[in-house]
Amino acid sequence: MRCPFLREAHVQSCQASPFRKQIVRSGGAAGERCGTAAWRECSVARELTEEHPSAGTCPFHSESLVQYCSTAPVTKFIPWSDQAFSRCGSESHRFCDLYLALARTPAPAAIPGEPAPATADADGIPVPGWLWFASSHTWLDIASDGVCHIGVDAFLARTLGGIDRVQFVTSKGLERPAAVLTVRDVDITVSFPNPVFITAVNGALRADPARLARDPYGLGWLFEGIVRDRTVVGNGTPKIADGLLRGSAATAWMRREGLRLRALAEAASERISGVRLAADGGLPAPGLIRTLPHEEALRLSHLLLSTSTDEERFS
C-alpha cells in the first residue's frame, strides 16, 4: 500500500535552457511551440549548433512521469524510475514525518477480512496491538510488503524521560539492531534480540533526540529494515518475531514490568534520599532515570534491560 498523499504528474522541461525548470503538463499543448515545427523560432534552440532538419518537435523538449508529496511545503518531483527507492510507494510511508503529522500515529497494516488491532492500555502505557514487543523494551512493526521498523516502547521512553543523544551501534546489513541512548550523563544500550536486515536508521533523531520519548511508536522509530525470511515458526508467528509478544500477552507483560519498575525504584529510594516517586502506588514519575544519581541510574537501567532470556523476562 502506497502513501495516500502520493501524487503523480507528467512534467516537461527544456534541456537547452541554462535553468532546468520542470513544469506540470496540464493537458493540451495549445500555444506551445515545443511540440510543433515552430520550435525552430525559439532563440534558445537556435543558439545550439546541432542540426535537426527533419525534427517536427523540439529535440530539447523532455517529458517524464514523476511522483510528488501533496503535503510537502515545497513540491519536489521524483522521477518514476526512482519510485522503487522511495518510501512513499511502500508501507514505509506510515513512519514518514509528513504522513504522521496528519495521521498522528502509524496505522497498522491492513489485513483483508480482519478488524484493525486496537491499542491497549497497561496502567497508562499504550500497547499497540499490531506491534511485537521484546523483553529489551523494543518493538517491531512488520508490514505486509516485508518492510519492518524497530524502536523502543512507551514504557522505556517514559522511564528515561527526555533523550539527550542517540547513537546507532548498527546501521546497515544483517545485524541485531542496537543503539545507545544518553540521558543526562548515563549511556543506556538498547538492542533488538533478533537479526534484521537493516536498510536505514532514523537520522532525524541525531538532531532531535527528544522525539524518541515524545513519540516512541511513530517519529521516534530507530531502525528500518527488510524481512527477507518469511518463515513462520508457530501459531502464525514470523521467524523475525520469534520470542516476542503482542496483543493481550504483551499488555499483561507490560503491566508486570510496571510492578517490577516500582520495586526497583523503591529499592533505589532506600539507598538514597530525595527521589520523587508517585504517591498513588502506580508507576514512578516520568523521567525516573533523570532523578537518580549516576550509579543508581546505571543500576536501574541495567536491571530493567537485563540480558536474561525472554522466557524469564516474559514469565
C-alpha atoms as a PDB file:
ATOM      1  CA  MET A   1       0.000   0.000   0.000  1.00  0.00           C
ATOM      2  CA  ARG A   2       1.413   3.335  -1.019  1.00  0.00           C
ATOM      3  CA  CYS A   3       1.035   6.658   0.784  1.00  0.00           C
ATOM      4  CA  PRO A   4      -2.409   8.261   0.244  1.00  0.00           C
ATOM      5  CA  PHE A   5      -0.701  11.641  -0.172  1.00  0.00           C
ATOM      6  CA  LEU A   6       1.451  10.461  -3.082  1.00  0.00           C
ATOM      7  CA  ARG A   7       0.543  12.080  -6.403  1.00  0.00           C
ATOM      8  CA  GLU A   8       1.673  11.544  -9.998  1.00  0.00           C
ATOM      9  CA  ALA A   9       2.102  14.026 -12.840  1.00  0.00           C
ATOM     10  CA  HIS A  10       3.631  14.468 -16.282  1.00  0.00           C
ATOM     11  CA  VAL A  11       6.244  17.207 -16.318  1.00  0.00           C
ATOM     12  CA  GLN A  12       8.088  18.834 -19.192  1.00  0.00           C
ATOM     13  CA  SER A  13      11.356  20.695 -19.292  1.00  0.00           C
ATOM     14  CA  CYS A  14      13.799  22.244 -21.765  1.00  0.00           C
ATOM     15  CA  GLN A  15      17.215  20.574 -21.907  1.00  0.00           C
ATOM     16  CA  ALA A  16      18.629  23.530 -23.816  1.00  0.00           C
ATOM     17  CA  SER A  17      17.767  26.054 -21.153  1.00  0.00           C
ATOM     18  CA  PRO A  18      20.561  27.047 -18.739  1.00  0.00           C
ATOM     19  CA  PHE A  19      17.970  26.851 -15.950  1.00  0.00           C
ATOM     20  CA  ARG A  20      16.229  23.497 -15.604  1.00  0.00           C
ATOM     21  CA  LYS A  21      12.610  24.019 -14.593  1.00  0.00           C
ATOM     22  CA  GLN A  22      10.019  21.264 -14.571  1.00  0.00           C
ATOM     23  CA  ILE A  23       6.501  22.335 -15.471  1.00  0.00           C
ATOM     24  CA  VAL A  24       3.468  20.128 -14.868  1.00  0.00           C
ATOM     25  CA  ARG A  25       1.735  19.373 -18.153  1.00  0.00           C
ATOM     26  CA  SER A  26      -1.886  20.453 -17.840  1.00  0.00           C
ATOM     27  CA  GLY A  27      -3.365  18.741 -20.873  1.00  0.00           C
ATOM     28  CA  GLY A  28      -3.325  20.194 -24.343  1.00  0.00           C
ATOM     29  CA  ALA A  29      -0.317  21.955 -25.791  1.00  0.00           C
ATOM     30  CA  ALA A  30      -2.249  24.786 -27.409  1.00  0.00           C
ATOM     31  CA  GLY A  31       0.003  27.764 -27.980  1.00  0.00           C
ATOM     32  CA  GLU A  32       3.053  25.723 -27.109  1.00  0.00           C
ATOM     33  CA  ARG A  33       5.717  25.656 -29.832  1.00  0.00           C
ATOM     34  CA  CYS A  34       7.949  22.960 -28.307  1.00  0.00           C
ATOM     35  CA  GLY A  35       5.763  20.209 -29.731  1.00  0.00           C
ATOM     36  CA  THR A  36       5.475  21.686 -33.218  1.00  0.00           C
ATOM     37  CA  ALA A  37       7.781  22.830 -36.014  1.00  0.00           C
ATOM     38  CA  ALA A  38       7.569  26.313 -34.524  1.00  0.00           C
ATOM     39  CA  TRP A  39      10.294  25.284 -32.095  1.00  0.00           C
ATOM     40  CA  ARG A  40      12.774  26.448 -34.747  1.00  0.00           C
ATOM     41  CA  GLU A  41      11.827  30.017 -33.865  1.00  0.00           C
ATOM     42  CA  CYS A  42      12.992  29.542 -30.276  1.00  0.00           C
ATOM     43  CA  SER A  43      16.092  31.657 -29.639  1.00  0.00           C
ATOM     44  CA  VAL A  44      17.445  29.176 -27.056  1.00  0.00           C
ATOM     45  CA  ALA A  45      17.259  26.257 -29.502  1.00  0.00           C
ATOM     46  CA  ARG A  46      18.764  28.284 -32.344  1.00  0.00           C
ATOM     47  CA  GLU A  47      21.856  29.133 -30.301  1.00  0.00           C
ATOM     48  CA  LEU A  48      22.856  25.472 -30.275  1.00  0.00           C
ATOM     49  CA  THR A  49      24.921  24.264 -33.203  1.00  0.00           C
ATOM     50  CA  GLU A  50      23.211  20.910 -33.651  1.00  0.00           C
ATOM     51  CA  GLU A  51      21.182  20.490 -36.843  1.00  0.00           C
ATOM     52  CA  HIS A  52      17.830  18.722 -36.820  1.00  0.00           C
ATOM     53  CA  PRO A  53      16.382  19.477 -40.233  1.00  0.00           C
ATOM     54  CA  SER A  54      13.577  16.883 -40.056  1.00  0.00           C
ATOM     55  CA  ALA A  55      12.523  17.274 -36.433  1.00  0.00           C
ATOM     56  CA  GLY A  56       8.812  18.066 -36.139  1.00  0.00           C
ATOM     57  CA  THR A  57       9.163  18.751 -32.427  1.00  0.00           C
ATOM     58  CA  CYS A  58      11.954  20.364 -30.435  1.00  0.00           C
ATOM     59  CA  PRO A  59      14.731  17.815 -29.793  1.00  0.00           C
ATOM     60  CA  PHE A  60      15.464  19.543 -26.499  1.00  0.00           C
ATOM     61  CA  HIS A  61      11.929  19.159 -25.191  1.00  0.00           C
ATOM     62  CA  SER A  62      11.723  16.495 -22.476  1.00  0.00           C
ATOM     63  CA  GLU A  63       8.702  14.902 -20.808  1.00  0.00           C
ATOM     64  CA  SER A  64       8.643  12.452 -17.918  1.00  0.00           C
ATOM     65  CA  LEU A  65       6.347  10.881 -15.353  1.00  0.00           C
ATOM     66  CA  VAL A  66       7.067  11.952 -11.772  1.00  0.00           C
ATOM     67  CA  GLN A  67       5.712  11.491  -8.267  1.00  0.00           C
ATOM     68  CA  TYR A  68       5.453  14.074  -5.518  1.00  0.00           C
ATOM     69  CA  CYS A  69       4.098  14.511  -1.993  1.00  0.00           C
ATOM     70  CA  SER A  70       0.939  16.606  -1.866  1.00  0.00           C
ATOM     71  CA  THR A  71       1.528  17.518   1.804  1.00  0.00           C
ATOM     72  CA  ALA A  72       5.125  18.750   1.499  1.00  0.00           C
ATOM     73  CA  PRO A  73       5.531  22.523   1.906  1.00  0.00           C
ATOM     74  CA  VAL A  74       7.857  22.529  -1.128  1.00  0.00           C
ATOM     75  CA  THR A  75       6.948  20.325  -4.081  1.00  0.00           C
ATOM     76  CA  LYS A  76       9.779  18.063  -5.156  1.00  0.00           C
ATOM     77  CA  PHE A  77       9.341  15.910  -8.245  1.00  0.00           C
ATOM     78  CA  ILE A  78      10.822  12.400  -8.105  1.00  0.00           C
ATOM     79  CA  PRO A  79      11.254  10.546 -11.427  1.00  0.00           C
ATOM     80  CA  TRP A  80       9.013   7.498 -11.718  1.00  0.00           C
ATOM     81  CA  SER A  81      12.109   5.388 -12.339  1.00  0.00           C
ATOM     82  CA  ASP A  82      13.273   6.209  -8.808  1.00  0.00           C
ATOM     83  CA  GLN A  83       9.983   5.370  -7.100  1.00  0.00           C
ATOM     84  CA  ALA A  84      11.309   1.959  -6.017  1.00  0.00           C
ATOM     85  CA  PHE A  85      13.760   3.760  -3.749  1.00  0.00           C
ATOM     86  CA  SER A  86      11.091   5.987  -2.203  1.00  0.00           C
ATOM     87  CA  ARG A  87       9.227   5.059   0.966  1.00  0.00           C
ATOM     88  CA  CYS A  88       6.141   6.759  -0.475  1.00  0.00           C
ATOM     89  CA  GLY A  89       5.393   3.734  -2.649  1.00  0.00           C
ATOM     90  CA  SER A  90       5.555   1.210   0.203  1.00  0.00           C
ATOM     91  CA  GLU A  91       4.130   0.819   3.686  1.00  0.00           C
ATOM     92  CA  SER A  92       7.192   2.655   4.998  1.00  0.00           C
ATOM     93  CA  HIS A  93       5.177   5.827   4.416  1.00  0.00           C
ATOM     94  CA  ARG A  94       3.446   5.101   7.755  1.00  0.00           C
ATOM     95  CA  PHE A  95       6.592   6.380   9.509  1.00  0.00           C
ATOM     96  CA  CYS A  96       7.087   9.486   7.347  1.00  0.00           C
ATOM     97  CA  ASP A  97       7.118  12.790   9.255  1.00  0.00           C
ATOM     98  CA  LEU A  98       4.622  14.430   6.910  1.00  0.00           C
ATOM     99  CA  TYR A  99       2.259  11.446   7.000  1.00  0.00           C
ATOM    100  CA  LEU A 100       2.428  11.223  10.786  1.00  0.00           C
ATOM    101  CA  ALA A 101       1.703  14.940  11.106  1.00  0.00           C
ATOM    102  CA  LEU A 102      -1.725  14.200   9.630  1.00  0.00           C
ATOM    103  CA  ALA A 103      -2.312  10.603  10.700  1.00  0.00           C
ATOM    104  CA  ARG A 104      -0.886  11.219  14.230  1.00  0.00           C
ATOM    105  CA  THR A 105       0.160   7.548  14.723  1.00  0.00           C
ATOM    106  CA  PRO A 106       1.391   4.830  12.343  1.00  0.00           C
ATOM    107  CA  ALA A 107      -1.642   2.922  11.105  1.00  0.00           C
ATOM    108  CA  PRO A 108      -1.357  -0.869  11.298  1.00  0.00           C
ATOM    109  CA  ALA A 109      -1.022  -2.751   8.037  1.00  0.00           C
ATOM    110  CA  ALA A 110      -4.470  -3.704   6.809  1.00  0.00           C
ATOM    111  CA  ILE A 111      -5.256  -7.439   6.759  1.00  0.00           C
ATOM    112  CA  PRO A 112      -8.204  -8.316   4.488  1.00  0.00           C
ATOM    113  CA  GLY A 113     -11.137  -9.761   6.431  1.00  0.00           C
ATOM    114  CA  GLU A 114      -9.690  -8.896   9.857  1.00  0.00           C
ATOM    115  CA  PRO A 115     -10.505  -5.926  12.100  1.00  0.00           C
ATOM    116  CA  ALA A 116      -7.741  -3.423  12.751  1.00  0.00           C
ATOM    117  CA  PRO A 117      -5.953  -4.244  16.032  1.00  0.00           C
ATOM    118  CA  ALA A 118      -6.516  -1.767  18.841  1.00  0.00           C
ATOM    119  CA  THR A 119      -4.125  -0.053  21.228  1.00  0.00           C
ATOM    120  CA  ALA A 120      -4.430  -1.414  24.755  1.00  0.00           C
ATOM    121  CA  ASP A 121      -3.622   0.422  27.973  1.00  0.00           C
ATOM    122  CA  ALA A 122      -1.222  -1.106  30.509  1.00  0.00           C
ATOM    123  CA  ASP A 123      -1.606   1.160  33.535  1.00  0.00           C
ATOM    124  CA  GLY A 124      -1.120   4.262  31.440  1.00  0.00           C
ATOM    125  CA  ILE A 125       1.327   2.738  28.943  1.00  0.00           C
ATOM    126  CA  PRO A 126      -0.059   2.377  25.378  1.00  0.00           C
ATOM    127  CA  VAL A 127       0.468  -1.074  23.855  1.00  0.00           C
ATOM    128  CA  PRO A 128      -0.478  -1.098  20.129  1.00  0.00           C
ATOM    129  CA  GLY A 129      -1.949  -4.463  19.251  1.00  0.00           C
ATOM    130  CA  TRP A 130      -0.203  -4.694  15.873  1.00  0.00           C
ATOM    131  CA  LEU A 131       3.329  -4.412  17.300  1.00  0.00           C
ATOM    132  CA  TRP A 132       5.580  -7.181  18.591  1.00  0.00           C
ATOM    133  CA  PHE A 133       7.384  -6.463  21.873  1.00  0.00           C
ATOM    134  CA  ALA A 134      10.745  -7.798  23.079  1.00  0.00           C
ATOM    135  CA  SER A 135      11.899  -8.105  26.690  1.00  0.00           C
ATOM    136  CA  SER A 136      14.506  -5.412  25.924  1.00  0.00           C
ATOM    137  CA  HIS A 137      11.593  -2.958  25.680  1.00  0.00           C
ATOM    138  CA  THR A 138      11.925  -2.687  21.923  1.00  0.00           C
ATOM    139  CA  TRP A 139       9.076  -3.090  19.462  1.00  0.00           C
ATOM    140  CA  LEU A 140       8.823  -4.498  15.939  1.00  0.00           C
ATOM    141  CA  ASP A 141       6.380  -3.461  13.226  1.00  0.00           C
ATOM    142  CA  ILE A 142       6.125  -5.754  10.183  1.00  0.00           C
ATOM    143  CA  ALA A 143       4.274  -4.505   7.108  1.00  0.00           C
ATOM    144  CA  SER A 144       2.694  -6.806   4.562  1.00  0.00           C
ATOM    145  CA  ASP A 145       5.354  -5.875   1.991  1.00  0.00           C
ATOM    146  CA  GLY A 146       8.169  -7.084   4.278  1.00  0.00           C
ATOM    147  CA  VAL A 147       9.321  -3.654   5.418  1.00  0.00           C
ATOM    148  CA  CYS A 148       9.835  -3.502   9.183  1.00  0.00           C
ATOM    149  CA  HIS A 149      10.532  -0.806  11.760  1.00  0.00           C
ATOM    150  CA  ILE A 150      12.034  -1.097  15.230  1.00  0.00           C
ATOM    151  CA  GLY A 151      12.013   1.295  18.177  1.00  0.00           C
ATOM    152  CA  VAL A 152      11.759   1.464  21.970  1.00  0.00           C
ATOM    153  CA  ASP A 153       8.386   1.114  23.682  1.00  0.00           C
ATOM    154  CA  ALA A 154       6.471   3.802  25.547  1.00  0.00           C
ATOM    155  CA  PHE A 155       7.343   2.189  28.909  1.00  0.00           C
ATOM    156  CA  LEU A 156      11.074   2.703  28.432  1.00  0.00           C
ATOM    157  CA  ALA A 157      10.563   6.126  26.832  1.00  0.00           C
ATOM    158  CA  ARG A 158       8.551   7.238  29.867  1.00  0.00           C
ATOM    159  CA  THR A 159      11.126   5.897  32.315  1.00  0.00           C
ATOM    160  CA  LEU A 160      14.014   7.634  30.553  1.00  0.00           C
ATOM    161  CA  GLY A 161      12.240  10.935  30.008  1.00  0.00           C
ATOM    162  CA  GLY A 162      13.856  13.300  27.506  1.00  0.00           C
ATOM    163  CA  ILE A 163      16.679  11.728  25.496  1.00  0.00           C
ATOM    164  CA  ASP A 164      19.783  13.891  25.129  1.00  0.00           C
ATOM    165  CA  ARG A 165      21.586  11.912  22.413  1.00  0.00           C
ATOM    166  CA  VAL A 166      21.051   8.886  20.171  1.00  0.00           C
ATOM    167  CA  GLN A 167      23.954   6.907  18.710  1.00  0.00           C
ATOM    168  CA  PHE A 168      23.420   3.962  16.367  1.00  0.00           C
ATOM    169  CA  VAL A 169      25.674   0.989  17.085  1.00  0.00           C
ATOM    170  CA  THR A 170      24.418  -0.868  13.996  1.00  0.00           C
ATOM    171  CA  SER A 171      23.290   0.910  10.844  1.00  0.00           C
ATOM    172  CA  LYS A 172      23.415  -1.424   7.824  1.00  0.00           C
ATOM    173  CA  GLY A 173      23.240  -5.095   6.933  1.00  0.00           C
ATOM    174  CA  LEU A 174      22.085  -8.209   8.744  1.00  0.00           C
ATOM    175  CA  GLU A 175      22.557  -7.312  12.408  1.00  0.00           C
ATOM    176  CA  ARG A 176      20.843  -7.254  15.776  1.00  0.00           C
ATOM    177  CA  PRO A 177      19.811  -3.577  15.849  1.00  0.00           C
ATOM    178  CA  ALA A 178      21.354  -1.674  18.755  1.00  0.00           C
ATOM    179  CA  ALA A 179      21.543   1.961  19.791  1.00  0.00           C
ATOM    180  CA  VAL A 180      22.919   3.953  22.724  1.00  0.00           C
ATOM    181  CA  LEU A 181      20.534   6.423  24.350  1.00  0.00           C
ATOM    182  CA  THR A 182      22.117   9.094  26.511  1.00  0.00           C
ATOM    183  CA  VAL A 183      20.101  10.540  29.376  1.00  0.00           C
ATOM    184  CA  ARG A 184      21.995  13.234  31.239  1.00  0.00           C
ATOM    185  CA  ASP A 185      25.340  11.501  31.948  1.00  0.00           C
ATOM    186  CA  VAL A 186      24.073   7.915  31.586  1.00  0.00           C
ATOM    187  CA  ASP A 187      24.555   5.847  28.408  1.00  0.00           C
ATOM    188  CA  ILE A 188      21.915   3.136  28.003  1.00  0.00           C
ATOM    189  CA  THR A 189      22.267   0.483  25.302  1.00  0.00           C
ATOM    190  CA  VAL A 190      19.056  -0.917  23.866  1.00  0.00           C
ATOM    191  CA  SER A 191      19.065  -3.787  21.394  1.00  0.00           C
ATOM    192  CA  PHE A 192      16.567  -5.851  19.465  1.00  0.00           C
ATOM    193  CA  PRO A 193      17.134  -9.588  20.120  1.00  0.00           C
ATOM    194  CA  ASN A 194      16.717 -10.994  16.598  1.00  0.00           C
ATOM    195  CA  PRO A 195      18.814 -10.320  13.459  1.00  0.00           C
ATOM    196  CA  VAL A 196      17.263  -7.926  10.946  1.00  0.00           C
ATOM    197  CA  PHE A 197      18.495  -6.773   7.547  1.00  0.00           C
ATOM    198  CA  ILE A 198      18.829  -3.073   8.378  1.00  0.00           C
ATOM    199  CA  THR A 199      18.341  -0.679   5.463  1.00  0.00           C
ATOM    200  CA  ALA A 200      18.167   2.689   7.273  1.00  0.00           C
ATOM    201  CA  VAL A 201      18.262   4.428  10.640  1.00  0.00           C
ATOM    202  CA  ASN A 202      16.226   7.400  11.803  1.00  0.00           C
ATOM    203  CA  GLY A 203      18.811  10.109  11.245  1.00  0.00           C
ATOM    204  CA  ALA A 204      16.376  12.791  12.442  1.00  0.00           C
ATOM    205  CA  LEU A 205      16.986  11.551  15.997  1.00  0.00           C
ATOM    206  CA  ARG A 206      20.551  12.862  15.843  1.00  0.00           C
ATOM    207  CA  ALA A 207      19.273  16.425  15.515  1.00  0.00           C
ATOM    208  CA  ASP A 208      16.167  15.990  17.666  1.00  0.00           C
ATOM    209  CA  PRO A 209      16.626  13.039  20.071  1.00  0.00           C
ATOM    210  CA  ALA A 210      13.686  14.190  22.203  1.00  0.00           C
ATOM    211  CA  ARG A 211      11.245  12.916  19.574  1.00  0.00           C
ATOM    212  CA  LEU A 212      12.081   9.361  20.643  1.00  0.00           C
ATOM    213  CA  ALA A 213      10.419   9.890  24.019  1.00  0.00           C
ATOM    214  CA  ARG A 214       7.792  12.241  22.576  1.00  0.00           C
ATOM    215  CA  ASP A 215       6.505   9.729  20.001  1.00  0.00           C
ATOM    216  CA  PRO A 216       8.142   6.300  20.528  1.00  0.00           C
ATOM    217  CA  TYR A 217       5.785   4.418  18.182  1.00  0.00           C
ATOM    218  CA  GLY A 218       5.952   6.993  15.393  1.00  0.00           C
ATOM    219  CA  LEU A 219       8.518   9.741  14.848  1.00  0.00           C
ATOM    220  CA  GLY A 220      10.847   8.090  17.371  1.00  0.00           C
ATOM    221  CA  TRP A 221      11.438   4.869  15.426  1.00  0.00           C
ATOM    222  CA  LEU A 222      15.076   3.752  15.375  1.00  0.00           C
ATOM    223  CA  PHE A 223      15.646   1.261  12.544  1.00  0.00           C
ATOM    224  CA  GLU A 224      14.093   0.375   9.202  1.00  0.00           C
ATOM    225  CA  GLY A 225      14.717  -2.983   7.598  1.00  0.00           C
ATOM    226  CA  ILE A 226      13.546  -5.737   5.299  1.00  0.00           C
ATOM    227  CA  VAL A 227      12.236  -9.138   6.398  1.00  0.00           C
ATOM    228  CA  ARG A 228      13.818 -11.487   3.883  1.00  0.00           C
ATOM    229  CA  ASP A 229      12.912 -14.710   5.676  1.00  0.00           C
ATOM    230  CA  ARG A 230       9.109 -15.014   5.807  1.00  0.00           C
ATOM    231  CA  THR A 231       9.241 -18.374   7.607  1.00  0.00           C
ATOM    232  CA  VAL A 232       6.528 -18.940  10.206  1.00  0.00           C
ATOM    233  CA  VAL A 233       7.758 -20.676  13.369  1.00  0.00           C
ATOM    234  CA  GLY A 234       4.449 -21.450  15.070  1.00  0.00           C
ATOM    235  CA  ASN A 235       0.999 -20.002  15.776  1.00  0.00           C
ATOM    236  CA  GLY A 236       1.429 -17.732  12.775  1.00  0.00           C
ATOM    237  CA  THR A 237       4.482 -16.029  14.295  1.00  0.00           C
ATOM    238  CA  PRO A 238       7.043 -14.880  11.713  1.00  0.00           C
ATOM    239  CA  LYS A 239      10.579 -16.024  12.397  1.00  0.00           C
ATOM    240  CA  ILE A 240      11.822 -12.484  12.966  1.00  0.00           C
ATOM    241  CA  ALA A 241       9.306 -12.157  15.839  1.00  0.00           C
ATOM    242  CA  ASP A 242      10.247 -15.444  17.496  1.00  0.00           C
ATOM    243  CA  GLY A 243      10.289 -14.984  21.278  1.00  0.00           C
ATOM    244  CA  LEU A 244       8.321 -11.718  21.137  1.00  0.00           C
ATOM    245  CA  LEU A 245       4.827 -10.922  22.413  1.00  0.00           C
ATOM    246  CA  ARG A 246       1.909  -8.913  21.129  1.00  0.00           C
ATOM    247  CA  GLY A 247      -1.757  -8.330  21.849  1.00  0.00           C
ATOM    248  CA  SER A 248      -3.110  -9.296  25.261  1.00  0.00           C
ATOM    249  CA  ALA A 249       0.080 -11.193  26.132  1.00  0.00           C
ATOM    250  CA  ALA A 250       2.180  -8.061  25.564  1.00  0.00           C
ATOM    251  CA  THR A 251      -0.242  -5.948  27.605  1.00  0.00           C
ATOM    252  CA  ALA A 252      -0.096  -8.357  30.551  1.00  0.00           C
ATOM    253  CA  TRP A 253       3.712  -8.392  30.396  1.00  0.00           C
ATOM    254  CA  MET A 254       3.835  -4.597  30.297  1.00  0.00           C
ATOM    255  CA  ARG A 255       1.747  -4.441  33.482  1.00  0.00           C
ATOM    256  CA  ARG A 256       4.186  -6.818  35.200  1.00  0.00           C
ATOM    257  CA  GLU A 257       7.053  -4.610  34.053  1.00  0.00           C
ATOM    258  CA  GLY A 258       5.325  -1.678  35.736  1.00  0.00           C
ATOM    259  CA  LEU A 259       5.279  -3.574  39.036  1.00  0.00           C
ATOM    260  CA  ARG A 260       8.917  -4.538  38.574  1.00  0.00           C
ATOM    261  CA  LEU A 261       9.937  -0.936  37.889  1.00  0.00           C
ATOM    262  CA  ARG A 262       8.122   0.235  41.005  1.00  0.00           C
ATOM    263  CA  ALA A 263      10.005  -2.357  43.087  1.00  0.00           C
ATOM    264  CA  LEU A 264      13.330  -1.264  41.568  1.00  0.00           C
ATOM    265  CA  ALA A 265      12.537   2.388  42.253  1.00  0.00           C
ATOM    266  CA  GLU A 266      11.564   1.649  45.850  1.00  0.00           C
ATOM    267  CA  ALA A 267      14.811  -0.256  46.367  1.00  0.00           C
ATOM    268  CA  ALA A 268      16.753   2.694  44.979  1.00  0.00           C
ATOM    269  CA  SER A 269      14.917   5.108  47.288  1.00  0.00           C
ATOM    270  CA  GLU A 270      16.029   3.058  50.284  1.00  0.00           C
ATOM    271  CA  ARG A 271      19.659   3.695  49.356  1.00  0.00           C
ATOM    272  CA  ILE A 272      19.335   7.389  48.589  1.00  0.00           C
ATOM    273  CA  SER A 273      17.104  10.282  49.537  1.00  0.00           C
ATOM    274  CA  GLY A 274      15.201  12.845  47.552  1.00  0.00           C
ATOM    275  CA  VAL A 275      13.811  10.553  44.865  1.00  0.00           C
ATOM    276  CA  ARG A 276      10.298  11.617  43.932  1.00  0.00           C
ATOM    277  CA  LEU A 277       8.010   8.619  43.411  1.00  0.00           C
ATOM    278  CA  ALA A 278       4.346   8.508  42.511  1.00  0.00           C
ATOM    279  CA  ALA A 279       2.230   8.782  45.648  1.00  0.00           C
ATOM    280  CA  ASP A 280      -0.657   6.657  44.376  1.00  0.00           C
ATOM    281  CA  GLY A 281       1.255   3.388  44.224  1.00  0.00           C
ATOM    282  CA  GLY A 282       1.362   3.428  40.411  1.00  0.00           C
ATOM    283  CA  LEU A 283       4.328   3.904  38.120  1.00  0.00           C
ATOM    284  CA  PRO A 284       7.168   6.170  39.274  1.00  0.00           C
ATOM    285  CA  ALA A 285       7.056   9.687  37.897  1.00  0.00           C
ATOM    286  CA  PRO A 286       8.101  10.088  34.218  1.00  0.00           C
ATOM    287  CA  GLY A 287      11.821  10.582  33.691  1.00  0.00           C
ATOM    288  CA  LEU A 288      12.797   8.458  36.703  1.00  0.00           C
ATOM    289  CA  ILE A 289      16.300   7.891  35.326  1.00  0.00           C
ATOM    290  CA  ARG A 290      16.935  11.655  35.338  1.00  0.00           C
ATOM    291  CA  THR A 291      16.135  11.926  39.051  1.00  0.00           C
ATOM    292  CA  LEU A 292      18.639   9.277  40.138  1.00  0.00           C
ATOM    293  CA  PRO A 293      22.335   9.705  40.888  1.00  0.00           C
ATOM    294  CA  HIS A 294      24.652   8.336  38.203  1.00  0.00           C
ATOM    295  CA  GLU A 295      25.362   4.975  39.859  1.00  0.00           C
ATOM    296  CA  GLU A 296      21.709   4.343  40.731  1.00  0.00           C
ATOM    297  CA  ALA A 297      20.614   5.295  37.214  1.00  0.00           C
ATOM    298  CA  LEU A 298      23.089   2.798  35.757  1.00  0.00           C
ATOM    299  CA  ARG A 299      21.962   0.110  38.171  1.00  0.00           C
ATOM    300  CA  LEU A 300      18.273   0.577  37.434  1.00  0.00           C
ATOM    301  CA  SER A 301      18.701   0.735  33.649  1.00  0.00           C
ATOM    302  CA  HIS A 302      20.858  -2.398  33.736  1.00  0.00           C
ATOM    303  CA  LEU A 303      18.264  -4.320  35.731  1.00  0.00           C
ATOM    304  CA  LEU A 304      15.419  -3.031  33.615  1.00  0.00           C
ATOM    305  CA  LEU A 305      17.147  -4.038  30.361  1.00  0.00           C
ATOM    306  CA  SER A 306      18.928  -7.128  31.663  1.00  0.00           C
ATOM    307  CA  THR A 307      20.053  -9.742  29.146  1.00  0.00           C
ATOM    308  CA  SER A 308      18.020 -12.530  30.710  1.00  0.00           C
ATOM    309  CA  THR A 309      16.119 -14.736  28.295  1.00  0.00           C
ATOM    310  CA  ASP A 310      12.728 -13.719  27.005  1.00  0.00           C
ATOM    311  CA  GLU A 311      11.166 -16.702  28.784  1.00  0.00           C
ATOM    312  CA  GLU A 312      12.476 -15.386  32.131  1.00  0.00           C
ATOM    313  CA  ARG A 313      11.529 -11.768  31.440  1.00  0.00           C
ATOM    314  CA  PHE A 314       8.150 -12.606  29.931  1.00  0.00           C
ATOM    315  CA  SER A 315       7.186 -15.003  32.742  1.00  0.00           C
END
